[in-house]
């Protein structure tokens, strides 16, 4: 199965993608995670992308497309995948169509996670991430057992620069301008399936699984 998860930042795409990846054996490809890894490792791509990410702006299409081109050609992508955070623009979507055509692959669904700005700001401004192992917490919904400390590895929890409220609002503006048109793009292809992203993951999971059945 080949899926795209659409929706604003903080709508629950990544959490659901990780759960389905484990239960269905699908490769979870998160553009955000790949970009952050490149930035942390100070690769050429990371150096070019860092200013865009920290200011809540979209990374230029050509950087993301080239990265995904190589990744989708790897063997583990042949078993099926969930694209989380890609495509983000109509141009990226068209490029993805071309890449999949070259590899004789076809999308099954584009799942749109719909959530209000208020809910997203609440979620992201409270999110904390372990600087050592990458585990994700939330001050209200998924608090660590010990404040500021990761339950899994004991590392320190930090707030990503792009999770503070001001940057989240800018990210939502960028989403509406650049990414929201993808909803219409995949609707025209009869691939779009919309789910309520404001629900907690345990409430949302059966809804998503029913769509994919």
Foldseek 3Di string as FASTA:
>chain_A
DAEEEAEFPQLCQVVLQVVCCVVVVAAEAELVVVLVVCLVVVPPLNVQCVVQVLQLHDRDLVSSLVVVLVVCPDPSCVVYHYYYPPPQAVVRVVSVVVSCVVVVHDHQAYEYADDDLVLRLQFLQQWKAFPPPGDIAGVPPRAAPDHQAHPPPRGGIDRRSCSHNVNSVVNVVNSVVGRVVVQVVVVVVVRYDYFHSSDDPVVRNVVVVVVVD
